[in-house]
PDB file of all heavy atoms in Angstrom:
ATOM      1  N   GLY A   1      10.514 -13.282  -1.798  1.00  0.00           N
ATOM      2  CA  GLY A   1       9.398 -13.950  -1.153  1.00  0.00           C
ATOM      3  C   GLY A   1       8.692 -13.044  -0.161  1.00  0.00           C
ATOM      4  O   GLY A   1       9.211 -11.991   0.234  1.00  0.00           O
ATOM      5  N   ILE A   2       7.496 -13.436   0.229  1.00  0.00           N
ATOM      6  CA  ILE A   2       6.720 -12.718   1.239  1.00  0.00           C
ATOM      7  C   ILE A   2       6.260 -13.719   2.297  1.00  0.00           C
ATOM      8  O   ILE A   2       6.251 -14.936   2.074  1.00  0.00           O
ATOM      9  CB  ILE A   2       5.506 -11.978   0.633  1.00  0.00           C
ATOM     10  CG1 ILE A   2       4.643 -12.932  -0.200  1.00  0.00           C
ATOM     11  CG2 ILE A   2       5.968 -10.793  -0.204  1.00  0.00           C
ATOM     12  CD1 ILE A   2       3.378 -12.289  -0.760  1.00  0.00           C
ATOM     13  N   SER A   3       5.867 -13.194   3.450  1.00  0.00           N
ATOM     14  CA  SER A   3       5.430 -14.038   4.555  1.00  0.00           C
ATOM     15  C   SER A   3       4.081 -14.687   4.239  1.00  0.00           C
ATOM     16  O   SER A   3       3.350 -14.267   3.329  1.00  0.00           O
ATOM     17  CB  SER A   3       5.329 -13.212   5.833  1.00  0.00           C
ATOM     18  OG  SER A   3       4.294 -12.237   5.700  1.00  0.00           O
ATOM     19  N   LYS A   4       3.729 -15.725   4.996  1.00  0.00           N
ATOM     20  CA  LYS A   4       2.458 -16.415   4.796  1.00  0.00           C
ATOM     21  C   LYS A   4       1.263 -15.497   5.017  1.00  0.00           C
ATOM     22  O   LYS A   4       0.273 -15.545   4.274  1.00  0.00           O
ATOM     23  CB  LYS A   4       2.367 -17.638   5.723  1.00  0.00           C
ATOM     24  CG  LYS A   4       3.356 -18.746   5.387  1.00  0.00           C
ATOM     25  CD  LYS A   4       3.118 -19.278   3.977  1.00  0.00           C
ATOM     26  CE  LYS A   4       4.075 -20.416   3.653  1.00  0.00           C
ATOM     27  NZ  LYS A   4       3.889 -20.914   2.260  1.00  0.00           N
ATOM     28  N   VAL A   5       1.345 -14.647   6.045  1.00  0.00           N
ATOM     29  CA  VAL A   5       0.226 -13.740   6.296  1.00  0.00           C
ATOM     30  C   VAL A   5       0.149 -12.675   5.209  1.00  0.00           C
ATOM     31  O   VAL A   5      -0.950 -12.217   4.853  1.00  0.00           O
ATOM     32  CB  VAL A   5       0.343 -13.108   7.707  1.00  0.00           C
ATOM     33  CG1 VAL A   5       1.512 -12.114   7.777  1.00  0.00           C
ATOM     34  CG2 VAL A   5      -0.960 -12.425   8.103  1.00  0.00           C
ATOM     35  N   HIS A   6       1.282 -12.319   4.636  1.00  0.00           N
ATOM     36  CA  HIS A   6       1.310 -11.399   3.504  1.00  0.00           C
ATOM     37  C   HIS A   6       0.624 -12.036   2.291  1.00  0.00           C
ATOM     38  O   HIS A   6      -0.135 -11.381   1.566  1.00  0.00           O
ATOM     39  CB  HIS A   6       2.770 -11.048   3.184  1.00  0.00           C
ATOM     40  CG  HIS A   6       2.966  -9.731   2.530  1.00  0.00           C
ATOM     41  ND1 HIS A   6       4.165  -9.061   2.542  1.00  0.00           N
ATOM     42  CD2 HIS A   6       2.130  -8.947   1.801  1.00  0.00           C
ATOM     43  CE1 HIS A   6       4.059  -7.937   1.872  1.00  0.00           C
ATOM     44  NE2 HIS A   6       2.833  -7.849   1.398  1.00  0.00           N
ATOM     45  N   GLU A   7       0.865 -13.332   2.070  1.00  0.00           N
ATOM     46  CA  GLU A   7       0.198 -14.063   0.992  1.00  0.00           C
ATOM     47  C   GLU A   7      -1.313 -14.081   1.217  1.00  0.00           C
ATOM     48  O   GLU A   7      -2.100 -13.861   0.284  1.00  0.00           O
ATOM     49  CB  GLU A   7       0.727 -15.489   0.918  1.00  0.00           C
ATOM     50  CG  GLU A   7       2.162 -15.604   0.430  1.00  0.00           C
ATOM     51  CD  GLU A   7       2.664 -17.037   0.468  1.00  0.00           C
ATOM     52  OE1 GLU A   7       1.918 -17.920   0.979  1.00  0.00           O
ATOM     53  OE2 GLU A   7       3.787 -17.291  -0.002  1.00  0.00           O
ATOM     54  N   ARG A   8      -1.737 -14.358   2.469  1.00  0.00           N
ATOM     55  CA  ARG A   8      -3.173 -14.415   2.763  1.00  0.00           C
ATOM     56  C   ARG A   8      -3.825 -13.052   2.576  1.00  0.00           C
ATOM     57  O   ARG A   8      -4.984 -12.966   2.161  1.00  0.00           O
ATOM     58  CB  ARG A   8      -3.395 -14.931   4.188  1.00  0.00           C
ATOM     59  CG  ARG A   8      -2.954 -16.377   4.396  1.00  0.00           C
ATOM     60  CD  ARG A   8      -3.590 -16.989   5.633  1.00  0.00           C
ATOM     61  NE  ARG A   8      -3.302 -16.233   6.837  1.00  0.00           N
ATOM     62  CZ  ARG A   8      -2.244 -16.439   7.616  1.00  0.00           C
ATOM     63  NH1 ARG A   8      -1.361 -17.370   7.294  1.00  0.00           N
ATOM     64  NH2 ARG A   8      -2.059 -15.722   8.698  1.00  0.00           N
ATOM     65  N   PHE A   9      -3.080 -11.992   2.866  1.00  0.00           N
ATOM     66  CA  PHE A   9      -3.583 -10.636   2.662  1.00  0.00           C
ATOM     67  C   PHE A   9      -3.888 -10.387   1.188  1.00  0.00           C
ATOM     68  O   PHE A   9      -4.953  -9.864   0.835  1.00  0.00           O
ATOM     69  CB  PHE A   9      -2.554  -9.632   3.191  1.00  0.00           C
ATOM     70  CG  PHE A   9      -2.796  -8.213   2.777  1.00  0.00           C
ATOM     71  CD1 PHE A   9      -3.804  -7.457   3.367  1.00  0.00           C
ATOM     72  CD2 PHE A   9      -2.008  -7.620   1.796  1.00  0.00           C
ATOM     73  CE1 PHE A   9      -4.022  -6.141   2.974  1.00  0.00           C
ATOM     74  CE2 PHE A   9      -2.216  -6.313   1.413  1.00  0.00           C
ATOM     75  CZ  PHE A   9      -3.230  -5.568   1.999  1.00  0.00           C
ATOM     76  N   PHE A  10      -2.966 -10.767   0.305  1.00  0.00           N
ATOM     77  CA  PHE A  10      -3.208 -10.594  -1.131  1.00  0.00           C
ATOM     78  C   PHE A  10      -4.353 -11.491  -1.604  1.00  0.00           C
ATOM     79  O   PHE A  10      -5.146 -11.093  -2.458  1.00  0.00           O
ATOM     80  CB  PHE A  10      -1.942 -10.893  -1.924  1.00  0.00           C
ATOM     81  CG  PHE A  10      -0.919  -9.799  -1.884  1.00  0.00           C
ATOM     82  CD1 PHE A  10       0.395 -10.064  -1.538  1.00  0.00           C
ATOM     83  CD2 PHE A  10      -1.258  -8.492  -2.187  1.00  0.00           C
ATOM     84  CE1 PHE A  10       1.346  -9.056  -1.504  1.00  0.00           C
ATOM     85  CE2 PHE A  10      -0.323  -7.474  -2.154  1.00  0.00           C
ATOM     86  CZ  PHE A  10       0.983  -7.752  -1.811  1.00  0.00           C
ATOM     87  N   ASP A  11      -4.443 -12.693  -1.053  1.00  0.00           N
ATOM     88  CA  ASP A  11      -5.516 -13.601  -1.453  1.00  0.00           C
ATOM     89  C   ASP A  11      -6.876 -13.089  -0.988  1.00  0.00           C
ATOM     90  O   ASP A  11      -7.908 -13.439  -1.577  1.00  0.00           O
ATOM     91  CB  ASP A  11      -5.249 -15.002  -0.881  1.00  0.00           C
ATOM     92  CG  ASP A  11      -6.134 -16.051  -1.511  1.00  0.00           C
ATOM     93  OD1 ASP A  11      -6.376 -15.978  -2.739  1.00  0.00           O
ATOM     94  OD2 ASP A  11      -6.593 -16.956  -0.793  1.00  0.00           O
ATOM     95  N   ALA A  12      -6.873 -12.253   0.055  1.00  0.00           N
ATOM     96  CA  ALA A  12      -8.121 -11.674   0.554  1.00  0.00           C
ATOM     97  C   ALA A  12      -8.474 -10.366  -0.148  1.00  0.00           C
ATOM     98  O   ALA A  12      -9.366  -9.647   0.301  1.00  0.00           O
ATOM     99  CB  ALA A  12      -8.015 -11.440   2.057  1.00  0.00           C
ATOM    100  N   GLY A  13      -7.778 -10.058  -1.255  1.00  0.00           N
ATOM    101  CA  GLY A  13      -8.108  -8.864  -2.032  1.00  0.00           C
ATOM    102  C   GLY A  13      -7.305  -7.641  -1.685  1.00  0.00           C
ATOM    103  O   GLY A  13      -7.613  -6.544  -2.159  1.00  0.00           O
ATOM    104  N   GLY A  14      -6.269  -7.791  -0.859  1.00  0.00           N
ATOM    105  CA  GLY A  14      -5.461  -6.640  -0.483  1.00  0.00           C
ATOM    106  C   GLY A  14      -4.545  -6.161  -1.594  1.00  0.00           C
ATOM    107  O   GLY A  14      -4.212  -6.912  -2.519  1.00  0.00           O
ATOM    108  N   PHE A  15      -4.139  -4.912  -1.484  1.00  0.00           N
ATOM    109  CA  PHE A  15      -3.220  -4.301  -2.440  1.00  0.00           C
ATOM    110  C   PHE A  15      -2.004  -3.759  -1.714  1.00  0.00           C
ATOM    111  O   PHE A  15      -2.124  -3.159  -0.647  1.00  0.00           O
ATOM    112  CB  PHE A  15      -3.902  -3.172  -3.219  1.00  0.00           C
ATOM    113  CG  PHE A  15      -4.913  -3.661  -4.211  1.00  0.00           C
ATOM    114  CD1 PHE A  15      -6.249  -3.764  -3.851  1.00  0.00           C
ATOM    115  CD2 PHE A  15      -4.542  -4.046  -5.482  1.00  0.00           C
ATOM    116  CE1 PHE A  15      -7.191  -4.227  -4.749  1.00  0.00           C
ATOM    117  CE2 PHE A  15      -5.475  -4.509  -6.394  1.00  0.00           C
ATOM    118  CZ  PHE A  15      -6.801  -4.602  -6.024  1.00  0.00           C
ATOM    119  N   GLY A  16      -0.810  -3.968  -2.303  1.00  0.00           N
ATOM    120  CA  GLY A  16       0.428  -3.449  -1.745  1.00  0.00           C
ATOM    121  C   GLY A  16       0.853  -2.178  -2.430  1.00  0.00           C
ATOM    122  O   GLY A  16       0.053  -1.504  -3.084  1.00  0.00           O
ATOM    123  N   ILE A  17       2.129  -1.847  -2.303  1.00  0.00           N
ATOM    124  CA  ILE A  17       2.641  -0.618  -2.902  1.00  0.00           C
ATOM    125  C   ILE A  17       2.477  -0.651  -4.419  1.00  0.00           C
ATOM    126  O   ILE A  17       2.018   0.307  -5.031  1.00  0.00           O
ATOM    127  CB  ILE A  17       4.133  -0.432  -2.542  1.00  0.00           C
ATOM    128  CG1 ILE A  17       4.313  -0.394  -1.036  1.00  0.00           C
ATOM    129  CG2 ILE A  17       4.703   0.815  -3.182  1.00  0.00           C
ATOM    130  CD1 ILE A  17       5.755  -0.446  -0.605  1.00  0.00           C
ATOM    131  N   LEU A  18       2.876  -1.771  -5.022  1.00  0.00           N
ATOM    132  CA  LEU A  18       2.842  -1.886  -6.479  1.00  0.00           C
ATOM    133  C   LEU A  18       2.084  -3.105  -6.976  1.00  0.00           C
ATOM    134  O   LEU A  18       1.848  -3.220  -8.172  1.00  0.00           O
ATOM    135  CB  LEU A  18       4.281  -1.960  -7.030  1.00  0.00           C
ATOM    136  CG  LEU A  18       5.172  -0.742  -6.823  1.00  0.00           C
ATOM    137  CD1 LEU A  18       6.576  -1.016  -7.327  1.00  0.00           C
ATOM    138  CD2 LEU A  18       4.597   0.482  -7.542  1.00  0.00           C
ATOM    139  N   ILE A  19       1.740  -4.048  -6.120  1.00  0.00           N
ATOM    140  CA  ILE A  19       1.164  -5.303  -6.596  1.00  0.00           C
ATOM    141  C   ILE A  19      -0.138  -5.628  -5.882  1.00  0.00           C
ATOM    142  O   ILE A  19      -0.477  -5.042  -4.851  1.00  0.00           O
ATOM    143  CB  ILE A  19       2.153  -6.476  -6.439  1.00  0.00           C
ATOM    144  CG1 ILE A  19       2.421  -6.768  -4.952  1.00  0.00           C
ATOM    145  CG2 ILE A  19       3.452  -6.194  -7.157  1.00  0.00           C
ATOM    146  CD1 ILE A  19       3.284  -7.998  -4.737  1.00  0.00           C
ATOM    147  N   GLY A  20      -0.850  -6.583  -6.459  1.00  0.00           N
ATOM    148  CA  GLY A  20      -2.128  -7.044  -5.920  1.00  0.00           C
ATOM    149  C   GLY A  20      -3.052  -7.402  -7.070  1.00  0.00           C
ATOM    150  O   GLY A  20      -3.342  -6.570  -7.916  1.00  0.00           O
ATOM    151  N   ASP A  21      -3.483  -8.662  -7.130  1.00  0.00           N
ATOM    152  CA  ASP A  21      -4.328  -9.147  -8.220  1.00  0.00           C
ATOM    153  C   ASP A  21      -5.763  -9.402  -7.787  1.00  0.00           C
ATOM    154  O   ASP A  21      -6.548  -9.951  -8.544  1.00  0.00           O
ATOM    155  CB  ASP A  21      -3.744 -10.447  -8.789  1.00  0.00           C
ATOM    156  CG  ASP A  21      -2.444 -10.201  -9.546  1.00  0.00           C
ATOM    157  OD1 ASP A  21      -2.350  -9.182 -10.234  1.00  0.00           O
ATOM    158  OD2 ASP A  21      -1.527 -11.022  -9.427  1.00  0.00           O
ATOM    159  N   GLY A  22      -6.106  -9.048  -6.573  1.00  0.00           N
ATOM    160  CA  GLY A  22      -7.453  -9.321  -6.076  1.00  0.00           C
ATOM    161  C   GLY A  22      -7.565 -10.674  -5.399  1.00  0.00           C
ATOM    162  O   GLY A  22      -8.282 -10.815  -4.414  1.00  0.00           O
ATOM    163  N   ARG A  23      -6.835 -11.665  -5.904  1.00  0.00           N
ATOM    164  CA  ARG A  23      -6.754 -12.980  -5.292  1.00  0.00           C
ATOM    165  C   ARG A  23      -5.343 -13.505  -5.506  1.00  0.00           C
ATOM    166  O   ARG A  23      -4.664 -13.119  -6.447  1.00  0.00           O
ATOM    167  CB  ARG A  23      -7.762 -13.966  -5.901  1.00  0.00           C
ATOM    168  CG  ARG A  23      -9.219 -13.695  -5.607  1.00  0.00           C
ATOM    169  CD  ARG A  23      -9.527 -13.762  -4.122  1.00  0.00           C
ATOM    170  NE  ARG A  23      -9.162 -15.037  -3.511  1.00  0.00           N
ATOM    171  CZ  ARG A  23      -9.933 -16.107  -3.506  1.00  0.00           C
ATOM    172  NH1 ARG A  23     -11.115 -16.099  -4.093  1.00  0.00           N
ATOM    173  NH2 ARG A  23      -9.523 -17.215  -2.893  1.00  0.00           N
ATOM    174  N   LEU A  24      -4.917 -14.415  -4.636  1.00  0.00           N
ATOM    175  CA  LEU A  24      -3.615 -15.059  -4.775  1.00  0.00           C
ATOM    176  C   LEU A  24      -3.762 -16.521  -4.337  1.00  0.00           C
ATOM    177  O   LEU A  24      -3.243 -16.929  -3.305  1.00  0.00           O
ATOM    178  CB  LEU A  24      -2.563 -14.331  -3.939  1.00  0.00           C
ATOM    179  CG  LEU A  24      -1.103 -14.716  -4.185  1.00  0.00           C
ATOM    180  CD1 LEU A  24      -0.678 -14.386  -5.607  1.00  0.00           C
ATOM    181  CD2 LEU A  24      -0.195 -14.008  -3.188  1.00  0.00           C
ATOM    182  N   PRO A  25      -4.484 -17.329  -5.135  1.00  0.00           N
ATOM    183  CA  PRO A  25      -4.797 -18.697  -4.695  1.00  0.00           C
ATOM    184  C   PRO A  25      -3.605 -19.637  -4.711  1.00  0.00           C
ATOM    185  O   PRO A  25      -3.568 -20.592  -3.941  1.00  0.00           O
ATOM    186  CB  PRO A  25      -5.860 -19.147  -5.710  1.00  0.00           C
ATOM    187  CG  PRO A  25      -5.595 -18.312  -6.925  1.00  0.00           C
ATOM    188  CD  PRO A  25      -5.105 -16.987  -6.416  1.00  0.00           C
ATOM    189  N   ARG A  26      -2.627 -19.386  -5.586  1.00  0.00           N
ATOM    190  CA  ARG A  26      -1.462 -20.267  -5.691  1.00  0.00           C
ATOM    191  C   ARG A  26      -0.186 -19.437  -5.640  1.00  0.00           C
ATOM    192  O   ARG A  26       0.461 -19.203  -6.666  1.00  0.00           O
ATOM    193  CB  ARG A  26      -1.536 -21.088  -6.982  1.00  0.00           C
ATOM    194  CG  ARG A  26      -2.600 -22.177  -6.949  1.00  0.00           C
ATOM    195  CD  ARG A  26      -2.724 -22.898  -8.269  1.00  0.00           C
ATOM    196  NE  ARG A  26      -3.269 -22.034  -9.310  1.00  0.00           N
ATOM    197  CZ  ARG A  26      -4.563 -21.802  -9.487  1.00  0.00           C
ATOM    198  NH1 ARG A  26      -5.448 -22.370  -8.680  1.00  0.00           N
ATOM    199  NH2 ARG A  26      -4.982 -21.015 -10.436  1.00  0.00           N
ATOM    200  N   PRO A  27       0.202 -18.986  -4.460  1.00  0.00           N
ATOM    201  CA  PRO A  27       1.390 -18.129  -4.353  1.00  0.00           C
ATOM    202  C   PRO A  27       2.680 -18.919  -4.486  1.00  0.00           C
ATOM    203  O   PRO A  27       2.731 -20.120  -4.190  1.00  0.00           O
ATOM    204  CB  PRO A  27       1.258 -17.524  -2.954  1.00  0.00           C
ATOM    205  CG  PRO A  27       0.507 -18.561  -2.182  1.00  0.00           C
ATOM    206  CD  PRO A  27      -0.460 -19.173  -3.158  1.00  0.00           C
ATOM    207  N   ALA A  28       3.728 -18.245  -4.915  1.00  0.00           N
ATOM    208  CA  ALA A  28       5.062 -18.837  -4.995  1.00  0.00           C
ATOM    209  C   ALA A  28       6.075 -17.710  -5.043  1.00  0.00           C
ATOM    210  O   ALA A  28       5.745 -16.560  -5.335  1.00  0.00           O
ATOM    211  CB  ALA A  28       5.197 -19.735  -6.228  1.00  0.00           C
ATOM    212  N   GLY A  29       7.311 -18.047  -4.752  1.00  0.00           N
ATOM    213  CA  GLY A  29       8.367 -17.044  -4.768  1.00  0.00           C
ATOM    214  C   GLY A  29       8.608 -16.479  -6.162  1.00  0.00           C
ATOM    215  O   GLY A  29       8.451 -17.173  -7.174  1.00  0.00           O
ATOM    216  N   GLU A  30       8.969 -15.219  -6.197  1.00  0.00           N
ATOM    217  CA  GLU A  30       9.280 -14.538  -7.456  1.00  0.00           C
ATOM    218  C   GLU A  30      10.730 -14.819  -7.828  1.00  0.00           C
ATOM    219  O   GLU A  30      11.625 -14.691  -6.996  1.00  0.00           O
ATOM    220  CB  GLU A  30       9.056 -13.034  -7.263  1.00  0.00           C
ATOM    221  CG  GLU A  30       9.028 -12.224  -8.532  1.00  0.00           C
ATOM    222  CD  GLU A  30       8.717 -10.768  -8.243  1.00  0.00           C
ATOM    223  OE1 GLU A  30       9.494 -10.128  -7.507  1.00  0.00           O
ATOM    224  OE2 GLU A  30       7.690 -10.269  -8.724  1.00  0.00           O
ATOM    225  N   GLN A  31      10.964 -15.202  -9.079  1.00  0.00           N
ATOM    226  CA  GLN A  31      12.307 -15.533  -9.554  1.00  0.00           C
ATOM    227  C   GLN A  31      12.660 -14.613 -10.720  1.00  0.00           C
ATOM    228  O   GLN A  31      11.871 -14.473 -11.663  1.00  0.00           O
ATOM    229  CB  GLN A  31      12.365 -17.000 -10.000  1.00  0.00           C
ATOM    230  CG  GLN A  31      11.949 -17.969  -8.916  1.00  0.00           C
ATOM    231  CD  GLN A  31      11.709 -19.364  -9.457  1.00  0.00           C
ATOM    232  OE1 GLN A  31      12.075 -19.675 -10.584  1.00  0.00           O
ATOM    233  NE2 GLN A  31      11.096 -20.218  -8.649  1.00  0.00           N
ATOM    234  N   ILE A  32      13.844 -14.005 -10.645  1.00  0.00           N
ATOM    235  CA  ILE A  32      14.231 -13.012 -11.649  1.00  0.00           C
ATOM    236  C   ILE A  32      15.632 -13.324 -12.162  1.00  0.00           C
ATOM    237  O   ILE A  32      16.555 -13.553 -11.377  1.00  0.00           O
ATOM    238  CB  ILE A  32      14.212 -11.584 -11.062  1.00  0.00           C
ATOM    239  CG1 ILE A  32      12.831 -11.261 -10.480  1.00  0.00           C
ATOM    240  CG2 ILE A  32      14.590 -10.555 -12.131  1.00  0.00           C
ATOM    241  CD1 ILE A  32      12.787  -9.971  -9.697  1.00  0.00           C
ATOM    242  N   LEU A  33      15.773 -13.307 -13.471  1.00  0.00           N
ATOM    243  CA  LEU A  33      17.080 -13.382 -14.118  1.00  0.00           C
ATOM    244  C   LEU A  33      17.279 -12.081 -14.873  1.00  0.00           C
ATOM    245  O   LEU A  33      16.400 -11.660 -15.634  1.00  0.00           O
ATOM    246  CB  LEU A  33      17.145 -14.563 -15.083  1.00  0.00           C
ATOM    247  CG  LEU A  33      18.469 -14.748 -15.829  1.00  0.00           C
ATOM    248  CD1 LEU A  33      19.577 -15.129 -14.851  1.00  0.00           C
ATOM    249  CD2 LEU A  33      18.331 -15.816 -16.911  1.00  0.00           C
ATOM    250  N   GLU A  34      18.409 -11.422 -14.642  1.00  0.00           N
ATOM    251  CA  GLU A  34      18.637 -10.099 -15.248  1.00  0.00           C
ATOM    252  C   GLU A  34      20.028 -10.032 -15.858  1.00  0.00           C
ATOM    253  O   GLU A  34      20.989 -10.581 -15.319  1.00  0.00           O
ATOM    254  CB  GLU A  34      18.485  -9.003 -14.191  1.00  0.00           C
ATOM    255  CG  GLU A  34      18.684  -7.595 -14.752  1.00  0.00           C
ATOM    256  CD  GLU A  34      18.381  -6.504 -13.740  1.00  0.00           C
ATOM    257  OE1 GLU A  34      18.182  -6.837 -12.548  1.00  0.00           O
ATOM    258  OE2 GLU A  34      18.337  -5.332 -14.126  1.00  0.00           O
ATOM    259  N   THR A  35      20.127  -9.338 -16.982  1.00  0.00           N
ATOM    260  CA  THR A  35      21.412  -9.101 -17.616  1.00  0.00           C
ATOM    261  C   THR A  35      21.429  -7.691 -18.197  1.00  0.00           C
ATOM    262  O   THR A  35      20.375  -7.135 -18.532  1.00  0.00           O
ATOM    263  CB  THR A  35      21.691 -10.144 -18.716  1.00  0.00           C
ATOM    264  OG1 THR A  35      22.993  -9.936 -19.251  1.00  0.00           O
ATOM    265  CG2 THR A  35      20.666 -10.056 -19.838  1.00  0.00           C
TER     266      THR A  35
END
């Protein structure tokens, strides 16, 4: 997960180290299953 202000940053068009879609209108936690 990321913080609320981190979510707003991505929704405002920000880019991180590896991610960023230009908008993030419906954020949610990332869930991963690995084997």
